[in-house]
Amino acid sequence: MLLKGAKITAIGAYVPARRLTNSDLEQIVDTDNEWIIQRTGIRERRISREDEYTSDLCAAAVLDLMNRYGKSVQDVDMILVATSTPDFPFPSVASILQNRLGIQPTAGAMDMSAACAGFVYALHTAHAYVASGLHRKVLVLGADALSKITDYTDRSTCILFGDGAGAVLVESDEQMDGFAGFHLGSDGSGAHHVYRTGLSHRVNEIDLIDTGKLVQNGREVFRWAVRTVPQGVQQVLDHAGISLDQVDWFIPHSANLRMIEPICERLNYPFEQALYSLEYFGNTSAASIPLALDLGIREGKVVNGQQILLYGFGAGLTHAGQLVKLALAPEVSPPTPL
């Protein structure tokens, strides 16, 4: 099969207006501002309204993308939404967006569930669709409304999570390919370390805590991520045929600053070249990587043509890396303030 080129031509982001600060959390659980900052690097997170759901976050992110780059999405021929918090078990958020955004009814639409690695999985899938010639214009979103499933009596998790969405357009290009090395991985033996109960209350022959809320064994996830992500990054580099010192920016999942630091140390990669979105948005799961990428663009750090290594990791346990070079269209309007 003759592969075609694909590139990211536009990006958009959205976070809800409501801020939940560390001081606010002091009034809810036994914690304090300094303790949270020291252990996570998070100062505040955004929380969706009671009547605001993942599809709303996605639609707002796409609107930002359209306004900034003067792009239409009516001719999008595939919609991929990475999320763990869909509005409904079914229909998908992607199909809701097709109607809401006025996208042609011949477009495919589906959600992807890979938790905090979901955006990179969806981006990798979009590239495969476009490179194979099956699709020409794919709308990719990473979005989660984790506040809807967070237990605000559990101080080990409620300090971490926030809501948000990021969107990118992946389009075909005969002249260039903005995607290089990638790596995917999974380890289902650790599925019971991060979960939310559903139709079943058992996994790996282990009884799960049936609260309907997100449950996480942070210590085990930390150990797994610090060991696994550097190995996966090397796989991405080997696949692309480049070395780490050729990577301009490293954008890992914004799980916890104390997790990103040792990952950079093990890679011997400058921490100041790692971009993250957690300080003021918290851990937004599938939204964290596109939000961090968007922040880097807004701040003038990330520009077209740079080598950017994205790496998501989380529940599953799943992880995914992708090396990209942006080819963003010129901005015609300033981005929506976050």
Protein backbone atom coordinates (compact mmCIF):
# COMPACT_ATOMS: atom_id res chain seq x y z
CA MET A 1 0.00 0.00 0.00
CA LEU A 2 1.32 3.46 -0.92
CA LEU A 3 1.23 5.51 2.28
CA LYS A 4 0.20 9.16 2.19
CA GLY A 5 1.35 12.02 4.39
CA ALA A 6 -0.66 13.36 7.34
CA LYS A 7 -0.27 16.48 9.43
CA ILE A 8 -1.82 18.30 12.38
CA THR A 9 -3.18 21.55 10.96
CA ALA A 10 -5.16 23.07 13.84
CA ILE A 11 -5.66 22.77 17.59
CA GLY A 12 -8.22 23.97 20.11
CA ALA A 13 -8.78 23.69 23.85
CA TYR A 14 -11.37 24.31 26.51
CA VAL A 15 -11.59 24.12 30.30
CA PRO A 16 -14.64 24.95 32.43
CA ALA A 17 -14.80 28.34 34.16
CA ARG A 18 -15.10 27.08 37.72
CA ARG A 19 -11.82 26.82 39.62
CA LEU A 20 -11.38 24.39 42.49
CA THR A 21 -8.30 25.56 44.38
CA ASN A 22 -6.24 23.75 46.96
CA SER A 23 -7.66 26.13 49.54
CA ASP A 24 -11.16 25.05 48.50
CA LEU A 25 -10.18 21.42 49.04
CA GLU A 26 -8.99 22.25 52.54
CA GLN A 27 -12.66 22.86 53.36
CA ILE A 28 -13.69 19.45 51.96
CA VAL A 29 -11.05 16.93 53.06
CA ASP A 30 -8.14 16.74 55.49
CA THR A 31 -5.43 18.37 53.34
CA ASP A 32 -3.67 21.69 52.82
CA ASN A 33 -2.29 23.76 49.98
CA GLU A 34 1.40 23.12 50.64
CA TRP A 35 0.88 19.35 51.04
CA ILE A 36 -0.87 19.15 47.66
CA ILE A 37 1.70 21.29 45.83
CA GLN A 38 4.62 19.38 47.34
CA ARG A 39 3.21 15.99 46.36
CA THR A 40 1.57 16.76 43.02
CA GLY A 41 2.54 20.21 41.70
CA ILE A 42 -1.17 21.03 41.30
CA ARG A 43 -2.50 24.41 42.49
CA GLU A 44 -6.04 24.26 41.12
CA ARG A 45 -8.23 22.34 38.73
CA ARG A 46 -11.29 23.22 36.61
CA ILE A 47 -14.67 21.67 37.38
CA SER A 48 -17.58 21.43 34.96
CA ARG A 49 -21.03 22.69 35.83
CA GLU A 50 -23.66 20.18 36.90
CA ASP A 51 -25.25 20.47 33.44
CA GLU A 52 -21.94 20.48 31.52
CA TYR A 53 -20.73 17.18 30.10
CA THR A 54 -17.91 15.77 28.00
CA SER A 55 -19.68 16.54 24.71
CA ASP A 56 -19.99 20.18 25.83
CA LEU A 57 -16.26 20.35 26.61
CA CYS A 58 -15.47 18.84 23.22
CA ALA A 59 -17.75 21.18 21.28
CA ALA A 60 -16.15 24.21 22.96
CA ALA A 61 -12.63 22.95 22.14
CA VAL A 62 -13.59 22.47 18.48
CA LEU A 63 -15.13 25.96 18.36
CA ASP A 64 -11.82 27.36 19.63
CA LEU A 65 -9.99 25.41 16.90
CA MET A 66 -12.31 26.69 14.17
CA ASN A 67 -12.15 30.31 15.27
CA ARG A 68 -8.37 30.36 15.70
CA TYR A 69 -7.46 28.78 12.38
CA GLY A 70 -10.45 29.65 10.22
CA LYS A 71 -11.13 25.95 9.73
CA SER A 72 -14.42 24.29 8.85
CA VAL A 73 -15.23 20.85 10.23
CA GLN A 74 -18.25 20.20 8.01
CA ASP A 75 -16.13 18.06 5.67
CA VAL A 76 -14.47 16.01 8.41
CA ASP A 77 -14.82 12.33 7.44
CA MET A 78 -13.95 10.72 10.79
CA ILE A 79 -14.42 11.81 14.41
CA LEU A 80 -12.42 10.13 17.17
CA VAL A 81 -13.05 11.02 20.82
CA ALA A 82 -10.77 9.66 23.54
CA THR A 83 -12.64 9.72 26.84
CA SER A 84 -13.37 7.73 29.97
CA THR A 85 -16.36 9.89 30.90
CA PRO A 86 -18.81 9.83 27.98
CA ASP A 87 -22.17 11.52 28.43
CA PHE A 88 -23.77 8.07 28.11
CA PRO A 89 -22.48 4.49 27.81
CA PHE A 90 -24.00 4.86 24.34
CA PRO A 91 -24.48 6.74 22.04
CA SER A 92 -20.89 7.90 21.68
CA VAL A 93 -19.70 11.42 22.32
CA ALA A 94 -18.36 11.38 18.75
CA SER A 95 -21.81 10.84 17.25
CA ILE A 96 -23.29 13.56 19.44
CA LEU A 97 -20.60 15.92 18.13
CA GLN A 98 -21.31 14.99 14.51
CA ASN A 99 -24.80 16.40 14.81
CA ARG A 100 -23.93 19.30 17.10
CA LEU A 101 -21.05 20.56 14.94
CA GLY A 102 -22.85 20.10 11.62
CA ILE A 103 -20.37 17.54 10.34
CA GLN A 104 -21.44 15.64 7.20
CA PRO A 105 -23.53 12.55 8.01
CA THR A 106 -21.18 10.40 5.93
CA ALA A 107 -18.47 10.87 8.56
CA GLY A 108 -17.52 7.98 10.81
CA ALA A 109 -17.74 8.61 14.54
CA MET A 110 -16.52 6.60 17.52
CA ASP A 111 -15.21 6.95 21.07
CA MET A 112 -11.97 5.34 22.21
CA SER A 113 -11.35 4.18 25.77
CA ALA A 114 -7.69 4.14 26.76
CA ALA A 115 -7.94 6.48 29.77
CA CYS A 116 -4.95 8.81 30.13
CA ALA A 117 -3.27 7.31 27.06
CA GLY A 118 -6.43 7.79 25.02
CA PHE A 119 -5.49 10.93 23.09
CA VAL A 120 -2.27 9.40 21.78
CA TYR A 121 -4.12 6.21 20.84
CA ALA A 122 -6.69 8.29 18.95
CA LEU A 123 -3.99 10.37 17.27
CA HIS A 124 -2.15 7.24 16.21
CA THR A 125 -5.41 5.84 14.79
CA ALA A 126 -6.10 9.07 12.92
CA HIS A 127 -2.66 8.96 11.35
CA ALA A 128 -3.22 5.34 10.27
CA TYR A 129 -6.57 6.24 8.68
CA VAL A 130 -5.12 9.19 6.76
CA ALA A 131 -1.81 7.55 5.81
CA SER A 132 -3.69 4.56 4.39
CA GLY A 133 -5.91 6.81 2.29
CA LEU A 134 -9.10 5.66 4.04
CA HIS A 135 -9.82 9.18 5.32
CA ARG A 136 -8.62 12.68 4.50
CA LYS A 137 -9.68 14.84 7.45
CA VAL A 138 -9.98 13.44 10.96
CA LEU A 139 -11.11 15.35 14.05
CA VAL A 140 -9.33 13.99 17.14
CA LEU A 141 -10.37 14.90 20.68
CA GLY A 142 -9.15 14.05 24.16
CA ALA A 143 -11.70 15.03 26.78
CA ASP A 144 -12.78 14.07 30.26
CA ALA A 145 -15.14 15.35 32.94
CA LEU A 146 -13.48 13.50 35.80
CA SER A 147 -15.20 15.60 38.45
CA LYS A 148 -18.36 13.61 37.63
CA ILE A 149 -16.73 10.39 38.89
CA THR A 150 -14.34 11.72 41.56
CA ASP A 151 -14.88 10.78 45.21
CA TYR A 152 -14.56 14.05 47.11
CA THR A 153 -14.21 12.20 50.40
CA ASP A 154 -10.98 10.50 49.23
CA ARG A 155 -8.12 12.96 49.62
CA SER A 156 -5.71 10.74 47.67
CA THR A 157 -7.71 11.19 44.45
CA CYS A 158 -9.87 14.32 44.75
CA ILE A 159 -6.78 16.56 44.87
CA LEU A 160 -5.69 15.31 41.46
CA PHE A 161 -8.47 15.43 38.92
CA GLY A 162 -10.01 18.15 36.77
CA ASP A 163 -12.05 18.57 33.59
CA GLY A 164 -11.06 19.73 30.11
CA ALA A 165 -10.85 19.01 26.39
CA GLY A 166 -8.39 19.37 23.54
CA ALA A 167 -8.97 18.95 19.80
CA VAL A 168 -6.75 18.64 16.74
CA LEU A 169 -7.36 18.27 13.02
CA VAL A 170 -5.34 15.65 11.17
CA GLU A 171 -5.37 16.18 7.40
CA SER A 172 -3.77 14.46 4.43
CA ASP A 173 -0.80 16.05 2.73
CA GLU A 174 0.99 14.79 -0.37
CA GLN A 175 4.17 16.75 0.44
CA MET A 176 4.92 15.93 4.07
CA ASP A 177 4.19 13.56 6.94
CA GLY A 178 4.08 15.11 10.39
CA PHE A 179 4.09 11.72 12.13
CA ALA A 180 7.19 9.62 12.79
CA GLY A 181 7.90 6.98 15.44
CA PHE A 182 5.26 5.52 17.72
CA HIS A 183 4.89 2.87 20.40
CA LEU A 184 1.82 1.27 21.99
CA GLY A 185 1.68 -0.99 25.01
CA SER A 186 -0.61 -2.52 27.61
CA ASP A 187 -0.39 -4.55 30.79
CA GLY A 188 -3.80 -5.82 31.85
CA SER A 189 -2.33 -7.49 34.94
CA GLY A 190 -2.45 -4.03 36.52
CA ALA A 191 -6.07 -3.31 35.55
CA HIS A 192 -7.17 -3.28 39.21
CA HIS A 193 -4.82 -0.38 40.05
CA VAL A 194 -7.01 2.28 38.34
CA TYR A 195 -10.68 1.66 37.63
CA ARG A 196 -14.31 2.60 37.94
CA THR A 197 -16.75 -0.26 38.44
CA GLY A 198 -19.25 -0.97 35.69
CA LEU A 199 -21.24 -4.06 34.74
CA SER A 200 -18.63 -6.22 36.50
CA HIS A 201 -17.17 -5.74 39.97
CA ARG A 202 -14.21 -8.09 39.49
CA VAL A 203 -11.02 -7.97 37.43
CA ASN A 204 -8.00 -10.29 37.53
CA GLU A 205 -10.01 -12.37 40.04
CA ILE A 206 -9.94 -9.39 42.44
CA ASP A 207 -13.05 -7.84 43.98
CA LEU A 208 -13.30 -4.12 43.17
CA ILE A 209 -14.55 -1.35 45.43
CA ASP A 210 -18.07 -0.70 44.15
CA THR A 211 -18.53 3.05 44.62
CA GLY A 212 -19.23 4.09 41.05
CA LYS A 213 -16.33 6.52 41.50
CA LEU A 214 -12.76 6.49 40.27
CA VAL A 215 -10.45 4.34 42.41
CA GLN A 216 -6.66 4.48 42.10
CA ASN A 217 -3.67 2.81 43.71
CA GLY A 218 -1.34 5.73 43.15
CA ARG A 219 1.76 4.03 44.48
CA GLU A 220 1.52 1.11 42.06
CA VAL A 221 0.70 3.35 39.09
CA PHE A 222 3.72 5.52 39.95
CA ARG A 223 6.06 2.52 40.04
CA TRP A 224 4.73 1.17 36.76
CA ALA A 225 4.86 4.53 34.93
CA VAL A 226 8.37 5.48 36.05
CA ARG A 227 9.61 2.10 34.84
CA THR A 228 7.53 1.77 31.66
CA VAL A 229 7.43 5.24 30.12
CA PRO A 230 11.22 5.67 29.64
CA GLN A 231 11.34 2.25 27.95
CA GLY A 232 8.44 3.23 25.70
CA VAL A 233 10.05 6.55 24.82
CA GLN A 234 13.13 4.70 23.65
CA GLN A 235 10.94 2.50 21.47
CA VAL A 236 9.44 5.63 19.84
CA LEU A 237 12.92 7.05 19.19
CA ASP A 238 14.18 3.76 17.74
CA HIS A 239 11.16 3.56 15.46
CA ALA A 240 11.74 7.12 14.25
CA GLY A 241 15.51 6.66 13.91
CA ILE A 242 16.41 9.69 16.01
CA SER A 243 18.02 10.33 19.39
CA LEU A 244 16.46 11.98 22.43
CA ASP A 245 18.57 15.11 22.07
CA GLN A 246 16.78 15.78 18.77
CA VAL A 247 13.42 16.05 20.59
CA ASP A 248 12.50 19.70 21.13
CA TRP A 249 9.63 19.08 23.57
CA PHE A 250 8.50 16.11 25.63
CA ILE A 251 4.80 16.11 26.54
CA PRO A 252 3.95 13.27 28.92
CA HIS A 253 0.54 12.75 30.44
CA SER A 254 0.07 15.36 33.18
CA ALA A 255 -0.60 12.88 35.96
CA ASN A 256 1.51 14.34 38.72
CA LEU A 257 4.61 16.54 38.68
CA ARG A 258 6.35 14.09 41.02
CA MET A 259 5.85 11.43 38.37
CA ILE A 260 7.09 13.53 35.44
CA GLU A 261 10.30 14.51 37.25
CA PRO A 262 11.69 10.96 37.73
CA ILE A 263 10.64 9.99 34.20
CA CYS A 264 12.76 12.88 32.85
CA GLU A 265 15.59 11.90 35.20
CA ARG A 266 15.59 8.31 33.96
CA LEU A 267 15.59 9.54 30.38
CA ASN A 268 18.31 12.10 31.16
CA TYR A 269 16.06 14.63 29.45
CA PRO A 270 15.99 18.30 30.55
CA PHE A 271 12.96 18.81 32.77
CA GLU A 272 12.57 22.37 31.45
CA GLN A 273 11.79 20.87 28.02
CA ALA A 274 8.87 18.86 29.40
CA LEU A 275 5.48 20.51 28.93
CA TYR A 276 2.52 19.77 31.19
CA SER A 277 -0.93 21.15 31.97
CA LEU A 278 -1.43 20.02 35.57
CA GLU A 279 -0.48 23.10 37.61
CA TYR A 280 -3.73 24.95 36.99
CA PHE A 281 -5.87 22.24 35.35
CA GLY A 282 -4.97 19.15 37.39
CA ASN A 283 -4.94 15.65 35.90
CA THR A 284 -7.45 15.82 33.05
CA SER A 285 -6.79 12.27 31.77
CA ALA A 286 -7.23 12.12 27.96
CA ALA A 287 -7.29 15.93 27.76
CA SER A 288 -3.97 16.50 29.51
CA ILE A 289 -1.65 16.06 26.51
CA PRO A 290 -3.58 18.22 24.01
CA LEU A 291 -4.03 20.86 26.73
CA ALA A 292 -0.27 20.89 27.39
CA LEU A 293 0.44 21.07 23.66
CA ASP A 294 -2.03 23.95 23.31
CA LEU A 295 -0.46 25.81 26.25
CA GLY A 296 2.97 25.44 24.66
CA ILE A 297 1.65 26.98 21.44
CA ARG A 298 -0.09 29.83 23.28
CA GLU A 299 3.11 30.61 25.17
CA GLY A 300 5.17 30.69 21.96
CA LYS A 301 7.30 27.70 22.92
CA VAL A 302 5.97 25.15 20.45
CA VAL A 303 6.17 26.05 16.75
CA ASN A 304 5.78 24.26 13.45
CA GLY A 305 8.52 21.86 12.46
CA GLN A 306 9.78 21.00 15.93
CA GLN A 307 10.09 17.39 17.07
CA ILE A 308 7.48 16.81 19.79
CA LEU A 309 7.25 13.53 21.66
CA LEU A 310 3.84 12.81 23.18
CA TYR A 311 3.49 10.00 25.73
CA GLY A 312 0.29 8.96 27.48
CA PHE A 313 -0.03 6.38 30.23
CA GLY A 314 -2.69 5.29 32.68
CA ALA A 315 -5.53 2.90 33.42
CA GLY A 316 -5.47 -0.43 31.65
CA LEU A 317 -2.64 -0.30 32.28
CA THR A 318 -2.05 1.28 28.85
CA HIS A 319 0.59 3.55 27.38
CA ALA A 320 1.24 5.13 23.99
CA GLY A 321 3.87 7.37 22.43
CA GLN A 322 3.88 9.35 19.21
CA LEU A 323 6.48 11.66 17.65
CA VAL A 324 4.94 14.55 15.70
CA LYS A 325 5.86 17.71 13.84
CA LEU A 326 3.12 20.32 13.72
CA ALA A 327 2.04 21.98 10.48
CA LEU A 328 -0.50 24.42 11.92
CA ALA A 329 -2.29 26.83 9.62
CA PRO A 330 -1.79 30.54 10.38
CA GLU A 331 -3.99 31.79 13.22
CA VAL A 332 -6.72 34.18 12.07
CA SER A 333 -8.06 34.93 15.57
CA PRO A 334 -6.60 34.75 19.06
CA PRO A 335 -7.36 31.62 21.08
CA THR A 336 -10.22 31.55 23.55
CA PRO A 337 -8.79 32.40 27.00
CA LEU A 338 -8.43 29.41 29.31
